[in-house]
Protein backbone atom coordinates (compact mmCIF):
# COMPACT_ATOMS: atom_id res chain seq x y z
CA MET A 1 81.51 65.09 80.80
CA TYR A 2 80.89 65.91 84.02
CA GLN A 3 83.46 65.94 86.61
CA LYS A 4 82.67 65.81 90.26
CA LYS A 5 84.22 68.72 92.07
CA ASP A 6 86.89 67.75 94.61
CA ASN A 7 86.31 69.85 97.87
CA SER A 8 89.43 68.24 99.44
CA ASP A 9 91.37 71.35 99.53
CA LEU A 10 88.36 72.99 101.74
CA GLN A 11 88.73 70.66 104.66
CA CYS A 12 91.42 69.42 107.26
CA ASP A 13 92.73 66.35 106.73
CA SER A 14 92.67 65.18 110.42
CA LEU A 15 89.92 66.23 112.83
CA GLN A 16 92.39 67.98 115.25
CA VAL A 17 90.88 70.86 117.18
CA HIS A 18 93.03 73.74 118.07
CA PRO A 19 91.62 74.55 121.64
CA ASP A 20 93.65 77.90 122.00
CA ILE A 21 92.28 79.14 118.96
CA VAL A 22 88.61 78.28 119.64
CA LYS A 23 88.80 79.88 122.97
CA SER A 24 90.28 82.96 121.90
CA VAL A 25 87.95 83.57 119.15
CA LYS A 26 84.70 82.33 121.39
CA ASN A 27 85.70 84.83 123.95
CA ASP A 28 85.93 87.53 120.99
CA MET A 29 82.77 86.80 119.09
CA ALA A 30 79.99 89.54 119.28
CA ASP A 31 76.76 88.43 120.71
CA ASP A 32 74.21 86.58 118.49
CA GLU A 33 71.77 89.26 118.26
CA ILE A 34 74.54 91.79 117.18
CA LEU A 35 75.69 89.53 114.37
CA TYR A 36 71.97 88.68 113.34
CA ASP A 37 71.58 92.73 113.13
CA LEU A 38 74.36 92.57 111.21
CA ALA A 39 73.41 90.02 108.74
CA GLU A 40 70.32 92.25 108.17
CA PHE A 41 72.21 95.21 107.73
CA TYR A 42 74.06 93.70 104.83
CA LYS A 43 70.83 92.22 103.33
CA VAL A 44 69.57 95.49 102.39
CA PHE A 45 72.78 95.88 100.08
CA ALA A 46 71.76 92.78 98.41
CA ASP A 47 69.15 94.69 96.16
CA SER A 48 70.90 96.73 93.06
CA THR A 49 68.21 99.42 93.09
CA ARG A 50 68.79 100.12 96.72
CA ILE A 51 72.72 100.36 96.03
CA LYS A 52 72.24 102.84 93.16
CA ILE A 53 70.12 104.62 95.72
CA LEU A 54 73.02 105.06 98.30
CA TYR A 55 75.47 105.78 95.43
CA ALA A 56 73.42 108.37 94.04
CA LEU A 57 73.02 109.83 97.27
CA SER A 58 76.95 109.77 98.20
CA LYS A 59 77.07 112.09 95.38
CA SER A 60 74.44 114.67 96.30
CA GLU A 61 71.30 114.98 98.20
CA MET A 62 68.21 114.47 96.27
CA CYS A 63 64.68 114.28 96.23
CA VAL A 64 62.40 111.26 95.18
CA CYS A 65 62.09 112.65 91.62
CA ASP A 66 65.67 113.28 91.41
CA ILE A 67 66.59 109.62 92.12
CA GLY A 68 64.04 108.48 89.82
CA GLN A 69 64.89 110.31 86.89
CA ILE A 70 68.59 109.26 87.52
CA LEU A 71 67.92 105.51 87.84
CA SER A 72 64.98 105.64 85.32
CA VAL A 73 62.48 104.04 87.90
CA SER A 74 59.14 105.26 89.12
CA GLN A 75 58.69 107.39 92.35
CA SER A 76 56.74 104.58 93.89
CA ALA A 77 59.69 102.42 93.60
CA VAL A 78 61.97 104.85 94.75
CA SER A 79 60.00 105.79 97.46
CA HIS A 80 59.32 101.80 98.48
CA GLN A 81 63.21 101.48 98.63
CA LEU A 82 64.09 104.51 100.54
CA ARG A 83 61.50 103.41 103.02
CA VAL A 84 63.64 100.23 103.41
CA LEU A 85 67.04 102.20 103.73
CA LYS A 86 65.27 104.75 106.22
CA GLN A 87 64.14 101.58 108.48
CA MET A 88 67.92 100.44 108.52
CA LYS A 89 69.26 103.74 109.10
CA LEU A 90 71.16 104.06 105.91
CA VAL A 91 69.59 107.51 104.72
CA LYS A 92 67.98 110.59 106.72
CA TYR A 93 65.94 113.17 105.13
CA ARG A 94 64.74 116.83 105.64
CA ARG A 95 61.84 118.78 104.29
CA GLU A 96 62.22 121.83 102.61
CA GLY A 97 58.63 123.36 101.83
CA LYS A 98 57.02 120.48 99.84
CA SER A 99 59.97 118.76 99.03
CA ILE A 100 61.95 116.12 100.99
CA PHE A 101 65.34 115.79 100.29
CA TYR A 102 67.14 112.40 101.25
CA SER A 103 71.02 111.89 102.17
CA LEU A 104 73.14 109.51 103.33
CA SER A 105 72.77 109.17 107.17
CA ASP A 106 76.59 109.58 107.94
CA SER A 107 80.11 109.14 106.03
CA HIS A 108 80.20 105.15 107.21
CA ILE A 109 77.86 104.39 104.33
CA GLU A 110 79.72 106.08 101.79
CA GLN A 111 83.00 104.33 102.98
CA ILE A 112 81.04 100.68 102.99
CA LEU A 113 80.13 101.34 99.41
CA ASN A 114 83.67 102.74 98.33
CA MET A 115 85.06 99.63 99.81
CA GLY A 116 82.77 97.28 98.33
CA ILE A 117 83.60 98.97 94.92
CA GLU A 118 87.37 98.92 95.72
CA HIS A 119 87.09 95.31 96.37
CA ILE A 120 85.12 94.49 93.51
CA CYS A 121 87.59 96.20 90.96
CA GLU A 122 90.99 94.44 92.42
């Protein structure tokens, strides 16, 4: 039997606005453009292949071939995802002869991954 979900616990019982809270938060809000960029940043983390690449790169600098082998995906698929990650400044690369090695752009990326894993495992 289908039961209608009750969302009453998610809503106020009255329509009373708290002006002091509203004013304080409005004054502290980041600009819309920054929040839009933040949303775009987090969208990159919505793809499991990209997450796997970032996680692998948190362990070691690697080339496309290494990443593809670890993830069991084609070099083409890895390259495509690395392009997205580079555009969002999550990974960087360096050339060594004919090889290109990728790594995380900075320690913040590893911290974001670790915080997400910690949150999920709680």
